[in-house]
Amino acid sequence: MYVCLCLGVTNEAVAEAVAAGARTTRHVAQACGAGSECGRCRRTVRSIIDAMHHTPRTARPRRESRA
């Protein structure tokens, strides 16, 4: 399946980059290009990284609005 349509990068290519040591979306972009153009695929890339390392990201804390 294509993850990055801009560069035609597949989930297999992203998984290979992660297996080779990429731990962030920036590392993956440097390794295979996914996420280096428009950035729409970065969430999917992050999901692949998390799945391969079994470390799901926690939700960001909500910012309190200042009144």
PDB file of N, CA and C in Angstrom:
ATOM      1  N   MET A   1       0.835  -1.169   0.000  1.00  0.00           N
ATOM      2  CA  MET A   1       0.000   0.000   0.000  1.00  0.00           C
ATOM      3  C   MET A   1       0.889   1.245   0.000  1.00  0.00           C
ATOM      4  N   TYR A   2       0.462   2.238  -0.774  1.00  0.00           N
ATOM      5  CA  TYR A   2       1.216   3.488  -0.790  1.00  0.00           C
ATOM      6  C   TYR A   2       0.896   4.290   0.462  1.00  0.00           C
ATOM      7  N   VAL A   3       1.947   4.751   1.106  1.00  0.00           N
ATOM      8  CA  VAL A   3       1.818   5.607   2.280  1.00  0.00           C
ATOM      9  C   VAL A   3       1.995   7.062   1.853  1.00  0.00           C
ATOM     10  N   CYS A   4       3.013   7.314   1.059  1.00  0.00           N
ATOM     11  CA  CYS A   4       3.325   8.661   0.593  1.00  0.00           C
ATOM     12  C   CYS A   4       3.041   8.734  -0.904  1.00  0.00           C
ATOM     13  N   LEU A   5       1.968   9.431  -1.252  1.00  0.00           N
ATOM     14  CA  LEU A   5       1.608   9.553  -2.660  1.00  0.00           C
ATOM     15  C   LEU A   5       2.534  10.512  -3.396  1.00  0.00           C
ATOM     16  N   CYS A   6       3.078  11.492  -2.709  1.00  0.00           N
ATOM     17  CA  CYS A   6       3.969  12.463  -3.352  1.00  0.00           C
ATOM     18  C   CYS A   6       5.177  11.780  -3.991  1.00  0.00           C
ATOM     19  N   LEU A   7       5.756  10.837  -3.263  1.00  0.00           N
ATOM     20  CA  LEU A   7       6.968  10.168  -3.736  1.00  0.00           C
ATOM     21  C   LEU A   7       6.760   8.699  -4.061  1.00  0.00           C
ATOM     22  N   GLY A   8       5.546   8.197  -3.881  1.00  0.00           N
ATOM     23  CA  GLY A   8       5.264   6.803  -4.188  1.00  0.00           C
ATOM     24  C   GLY A   8       5.939   5.822  -3.249  1.00  0.00           C
ATOM     25  N   VAL A   9       5.991   6.165  -1.965  1.00  0.00           N
ATOM     26  CA  VAL A   9       6.641   5.311  -0.961  1.00  0.00           C
ATOM     27  C   VAL A   9       5.594   4.378  -0.356  1.00  0.00           C
ATOM     28  N   THR A  10       5.924   3.110  -0.276  1.00  0.00           N
ATOM     29  CA  THR A  10       4.996   2.107   0.253  1.00  0.00           C
ATOM     30  C   THR A  10       5.208   1.865   1.742  1.00  0.00           C
ATOM     31  N   ASN A  11       4.230   1.199   2.353  1.00  0.00           N
ATOM     32  CA  ASN A  11       4.365   0.841   3.764  1.00  0.00           C
ATOM     33  C   ASN A  11       5.540  -0.111   3.976  1.00  0.00           C
ATOM     34  N   GLU A  12       5.846  -0.931   2.979  1.00  0.00           N
ATOM     35  CA  GLU A  12       7.003  -1.826   3.095  1.00  0.00           C
ATOM     36  C   GLU A  12       8.302  -1.027   3.185  1.00  0.00           C
ATOM     37  N   ALA A  13       8.422   0.026   2.399  1.00  0.00           N
ATOM     38  CA  ALA A  13       9.623   0.860   2.433  1.00  0.00           C
ATOM     39  C   ALA A  13       9.744   1.577   3.776  1.00  0.00           C
ATOM     40  N   VAL A  14       8.620   2.045   4.310  1.00  0.00           N
ATOM     41  CA  VAL A  14       8.638   2.699   5.617  1.00  0.00           C
ATOM     42  C   VAL A  14       9.031   1.681   6.686  1.00  0.00           C
ATOM     43  N   ALA A  15       8.470   0.487   6.634  1.00  0.00           N
ATOM     44  CA  ALA A  15       8.798  -0.561   7.605  1.00  0.00           C
ATOM     45  C   ALA A  15      10.275  -0.933   7.532  1.00  0.00           C
ATOM     46  N   GLU A  16      10.832  -0.965   6.340  1.00  0.00           N
ATOM     47  CA  GLU A  16      12.266  -1.248   6.197  1.00  0.00           C
ATOM     48  C   GLU A  16      13.104  -0.149   6.839  1.00  0.00           C
ATOM     49  N   ALA A  17      12.698   1.102   6.662  1.00  0.00           N
ATOM     50  CA  ALA A  17      13.426   2.213   7.276  1.00  0.00           C
ATOM     51  C   ALA A  17      13.369   2.118   8.797  1.00  0.00           C
ATOM     52  N   VAL A  18      12.192   1.766   9.327  1.00  0.00           N
ATOM     53  CA  VAL A  18      12.043   1.626  10.776  1.00  0.00           C
ATOM     54  C   VAL A  18      12.874   0.449  11.279  1.00  0.00           C
ATOM     55  N   ALA A  19      12.846  -0.654  10.559  1.00  0.00           N
ATOM     56  CA  ALA A  19      13.641  -1.823  10.951  1.00  0.00           C
ATOM     57  C   ALA A  19      15.138  -1.513  10.925  1.00  0.00           C
ATOM     58  N   ALA A  20      15.532  -0.588  10.065  1.00  0.00           N
ATOM     59  CA  ALA A  20      16.939  -0.204   9.959  1.00  0.00           C
ATOM     60  C   ALA A  20      17.336   0.834  11.002  1.00  0.00           C
ATOM     61  N   GLY A  21      16.366   1.284  11.813  1.00  0.00           N
ATOM     62  CA  GLY A  21      16.719   2.181  12.899  1.00  0.00           C
ATOM     63  C   GLY A  21      15.993   3.502  12.964  1.00  0.00           C
ATOM     64  N   ALA A  22      15.167   3.831  11.979  1.00  0.00           N
ATOM     65  CA  ALA A  22      14.421   5.090  12.020  1.00  0.00           C
ATOM     66  C   ALA A  22      13.435   5.066  13.182  1.00  0.00           C
ATOM     67  N   ARG A  23      13.469   6.084  14.013  1.00  0.00           N
ATOM     68  CA  ARG A  23      12.602   6.128  15.194  1.00  0.00           C
ATOM     69  C   ARG A  23      11.629   7.306  15.181  1.00  0.00           C
ATOM     70  N   THR A  24      11.810   8.226  14.252  1.00  0.00           N
ATOM     71  CA  THR A  24      10.931   9.389  14.154  1.00  0.00           C
ATOM     72  C   THR A  24      10.498   9.563  12.706  1.00  0.00           C
ATOM     73  N   THR A  25       9.474  10.390  12.502  1.00  0.00           N
ATOM     74  CA  THR A  25       9.046  10.654  11.130  1.00  0.00           C
ATOM     75  C   THR A  25      10.142  11.356  10.348  1.00  0.00           C
ATOM     76  N   ARG A  26      10.930  12.161  11.005  1.00  0.00           N
ATOM     77  CA  ARG A  26      12.055  12.824  10.329  1.00  0.00           C
ATOM     78  C   ARG A  26      13.094  11.798   9.875  1.00  0.00           C
ATOM     79  N   HIS A  27      13.387  10.810  10.717  1.00  0.00           N
ATOM     80  CA  HIS A  27      14.332   9.757  10.334  1.00  0.00           C
ATOM     81  C   HIS A  27      13.813   8.968   9.138  1.00  0.00           C
ATOM     82  N   VAL A  28      12.510   8.666   9.153  1.00  0.00           N
ATOM     83  CA  VAL A  28      11.914   7.932   8.037  1.00  0.00           C
ATOM     84  C   VAL A  28      12.006   8.762   6.765  1.00  0.00           C
ATOM     85  N   ALA A  29      11.730  10.057   6.863  1.00  0.00           N
ATOM     86  CA  ALA A  29      11.807  10.933   5.692  1.00  0.00           C
ATOM     87  C   ALA A  29      13.222  10.947   5.116  1.00  0.00           C
ATOM     88  N   GLN A  30      14.213  10.951   5.978  1.00  0.00           N
ATOM     89  CA  GLN A  30      15.601  10.934   5.517  1.00  0.00           C
ATOM     90  C   GLN A  30      15.947   9.600   4.866  1.00  0.00           C
ATOM     91  N   ALA A  31      15.373   8.522   5.383  1.00  0.00           N
ATOM     92  CA  ALA A  31      15.709   7.192   4.885  1.00  0.00           C
ATOM     93  C   ALA A  31      15.019   6.848   3.568  1.00  0.00           C
ATOM     94  N   CYS A  32      13.724   7.180   3.445  1.00  0.00           N
ATOM     95  CA  CYS A  32      12.997   6.747   2.249  1.00  0.00           C
ATOM     96  C   CYS A  32      12.174   7.845   1.584  1.00  0.00           C
ATOM     97  N   GLY A  33      12.109   9.008   2.200  1.00  0.00           N
ATOM     98  CA  GLY A  33      11.397  10.124   1.607  1.00  0.00           C
ATOM     99  C   GLY A  33       9.985  10.335   2.091  1.00  0.00           C
ATOM    100  N   ALA A  34       9.355   9.332   2.679  1.00  0.00           N
ATOM    101  CA  ALA A  34       7.964   9.461   3.125  1.00  0.00           C
ATOM    102  C   ALA A  34       7.844  10.573   4.159  1.00  0.00           C
ATOM    103  N   GLY A  35       6.956  11.521   3.904  1.00  0.00           N
ATOM    104  CA  GLY A  35       6.740  12.622   4.827  1.00  0.00           C
ATOM    105  C   GLY A  35       7.600  13.834   4.573  1.00  0.00           C
ATOM    106  N   SER A  36       8.427  13.789   3.549  1.00  0.00           N
ATOM    107  CA  SER A  36       9.334  14.906   3.297  1.00  0.00           C
ATOM    108  C   SER A  36       8.755  15.973   2.380  1.00  0.00           C
ATOM    109  N   GLU A  37       7.630  15.694   1.753  1.00  0.00           N
ATOM    110  CA  GLU A  37       7.018  16.672   0.849  1.00  0.00           C
ATOM    111  C   GLU A  37       5.873  17.391   1.545  1.00  0.00           C
ATOM    112  N   CYS A  38       4.648  17.018   1.299  1.00  0.00           N
ATOM    113  CA  CYS A  38       3.492  17.759   1.831  1.00  0.00           C
ATOM    114  C   CYS A  38       3.218  17.432   3.300  1.00  0.00           C
ATOM    115  N   GLY A  39       3.606  16.254   3.780  1.00  0.00           N
ATOM    116  CA  GLY A  39       3.441  15.891   5.183  1.00  0.00           C
ATOM    117  C   GLY A  39       2.141  15.202   5.545  1.00  0.00           C
ATOM    118  N   ARG A  40       1.262  14.998   4.577  1.00  0.00           N
ATOM    119  CA  ARG A  40      -0.030  14.380   4.893  1.00  0.00           C
ATOM    120  C   ARG A  40       0.109  12.940   5.372  1.00  0.00           C
ATOM    121  N   CYS A  41       1.189  12.282   5.057  1.00  0.00           N
ATOM    122  CA  CYS A  41       1.368  10.877   5.429  1.00  0.00           C
ATOM    123  C   CYS A  41       2.067  10.702   6.777  1.00  0.00           C
ATOM    124  N   ARG A  42       2.448  11.776   7.431  1.00  0.00           N
ATOM    125  CA  ARG A  42       3.224  11.644   8.673  1.00  0.00           C
ATOM    126  C   ARG A  42       2.485  10.888   9.767  1.00  0.00           C
ATOM    127  N   ARG A  43       1.170  11.029   9.849  1.00  0.00           N
ATOM    128  CA  ARG A  43       0.415  10.266  10.866  1.00  0.00           C
ATOM    129  C   ARG A  43       0.502   8.769  10.588  1.00  0.00           C
ATOM    130  N   THR A  44       0.403   8.400   9.322  1.00  0.00           N
ATOM    131  CA  THR A  44       0.504   6.986   8.958  1.00  0.00           C
ATOM    132  C   THR A  44       1.909   6.469   9.232  1.00  0.00           C
ATOM    133  N   VAL A  45       2.911   7.266   8.897  1.00  0.00           N
ATOM    134  CA  VAL A  45       4.302   6.881   9.171  1.00  0.00           C
ATOM    135  C   VAL A  45       4.485   6.701  10.672  1.00  0.00           C
ATOM    136  N   ARG A  46       3.958   7.621  11.465  1.00  0.00           N
ATOM    137  CA  ARG A  46       4.061   7.525  12.924  1.00  0.00           C
ATOM    138  C   ARG A  46       3.379   6.258  13.437  1.00  0.00           C
ATOM    139  N   SER A  47       2.252   5.902  12.843  1.00  0.00           N
ATOM    140  CA  SER A  47       1.537   4.686  13.238  1.00  0.00           C
ATOM    141  C   SER A  47       2.371   3.442  12.947  1.00  0.00           C
ATOM    142  N   ILE A  48       3.059   3.441  11.825  1.00  0.00           N
ATOM    143  CA  ILE A  48       3.918   2.300  11.485  1.00  0.00           C
ATOM    144  C   ILE A  48       5.073   2.207  12.470  1.00  0.00           C
ATOM    145  N   ILE A  49       5.679   3.343  12.800  1.00  0.00           N
ATOM    146  CA  ILE A  49       6.771   3.355  13.781  1.00  0.00           C
ATOM    147  C   ILE A  49       6.275   2.805  15.109  1.00  0.00           C
ATOM    148  N   ASP A  50       5.144   3.315  15.584  1.00  0.00           N
ATOM    149  CA  ASP A  50       4.593   2.869  16.876  1.00  0.00           C
ATOM    150  C   ASP A  50       4.253   1.384  16.864  1.00  0.00           C
ATOM    151  N   ALA A  51       3.660   0.916  15.782  1.00  0.00           N
ATOM    152  CA  ALA A  51       3.285  -0.494  15.697  1.00  0.00           C
ATOM    153  C   ALA A  51       4.510  -1.402  15.718  1.00  0.00           C
ATOM    154  N   MET A  52       5.560  -0.972  15.074  1.00  0.00           N
ATOM    155  CA  MET A  52       6.762  -1.809  15.024  1.00  0.00           C
ATOM    156  C   MET A  52       7.535  -1.790  16.336  1.00  0.00           C
ATOM    157  N   HIS A  53       7.341  -0.759  17.131  1.00  0.00           N
ATOM    158  CA  HIS A  53       8.048  -0.652  18.407  1.00  0.00           C
ATOM    159  C   HIS A  53       7.124  -0.860  19.590  1.00  0.00           C
ATOM    160  N   HIS A  54       5.858  -1.143  19.295  1.00  0.00           N
ATOM    161  CA  HIS A  54       4.865  -1.426  20.337  1.00  0.00           C
ATOM    162  C   HIS A  54       4.816  -0.328  21.385  1.00  0.00           C
ATOM    163  N   THR A  55       4.940   0.921  20.937  1.00  0.00           N
ATOM    164  CA  THR A  55       4.885   2.049  21.850  1.00  0.00           C
ATOM    165  C   THR A  55       3.883   3.070  21.337  1.00  0.00           C
ATOM    166  N   PRO A  56       2.595   2.838  21.567  1.00  0.00           N
ATOM    167  CA  PRO A  56       1.603   3.807  21.096  1.00  0.00           C
ATOM    168  C   PRO A  56       1.789   5.152  21.781  1.00  0.00           C
ATOM    169  N   ARG A  57       1.601   6.195  21.023  1.00  0.00           N
ATOM    170  CA  ARG A  57       1.717   7.538  21.577  1.00  0.00           C
ATOM    171  C   ARG A  57       0.489   7.835  22.411  1.00  0.00           C
ATOM    172  N   THR A  58       0.697   8.537  23.489  1.00  0.00           N
ATOM    173  CA  THR A  58      -0.429   8.948  24.310  1.00  0.00           C
ATOM    174  C   THR A  58      -0.996  10.242  23.750  1.00  0.00           C
ATOM    175  N   ALA A  59      -2.217  10.487  24.064  1.00  0.00           N
ATOM    176  CA  ALA A  59      -2.853  11.712  23.598  1.00  0.00           C
ATOM    177  C   ALA A  59      -2.170  12.913  24.241  1.00  0.00           C
ATOM    178  N   ARG A  60      -2.057  13.956  23.481  1.00  0.00           N
ATOM    179  CA  ARG A  60      -1.468  15.170  24.023  1.00  0.00           C
ATOM    180  C   ARG A  60      -2.415  15.780  25.051  1.00  0.00           C
ATOM    181  N   PRO A  61      -1.855  16.321  26.117  1.00  0.00           N
ATOM    182  CA  PRO A  61      -2.727  16.980  27.089  1.00  0.00           C
ATOM    183  C   PRO A  61      -3.359  18.212  26.458  1.00  0.00           C
ATOM    184  N   ARG A  62      -4.593  18.451  26.807  1.00  0.00           N
ATOM    185  CA  ARG A  62      -5.286  19.613  26.262  1.00  0.00           C
ATOM    186  C   ARG A  62      -4.777  20.872  26.936  1.00  0.00           C
ATOM    187  N   ARG A  63      -4.604  21.900  26.127  1.00  0.00           N
ATOM    188  CA  ARG A  63      -4.201  23.181  26.681  1.00  0.00           C
ATOM    189  C   ARG A  63      -5.416  23.848  27.299  1.00  0.00           C
ATOM    190  N   GLU A  64      -5.204  24.433  28.450  1.00  0.00           N
ATOM    191  CA  GLU A  64      -6.285  25.158  29.092  1.00  0.00           C
ATOM    192  C   GLU A  64      -6.393  26.518  28.448  1.00  0.00           C
ATOM    193  N   SER A  65      -7.606  26.923  28.172  1.00  0.00           N
ATOM    194  CA  SER A  65      -7.803  28.241  27.572  1.00  0.00           C
ATOM    195  C   SER A  65      -7.678  29.297  28.662  1.00  0.00           C
ATOM    196  N   ARG A  66      -7.083  30.377  28.262  1.00  0.00           N
ATOM    197  CA  ARG A  66      -6.921  31.494  29.207  1.00  0.00           C
ATOM    198  C   ARG A  66      -8.082  32.460  29.024  1.00  0.00           C
ATOM    199  N   ALA A  67      -8.791  32.686  30.090  1.00  0.00           N
ATOM    200  CA  ALA A  67      -9.958  33.585  29.993  1.00  0.00           C
ATOM    201  C   ALA A  67      -9.668  34.924  30.576  1.00  0.00           C
TER     202      ALA A  67
END
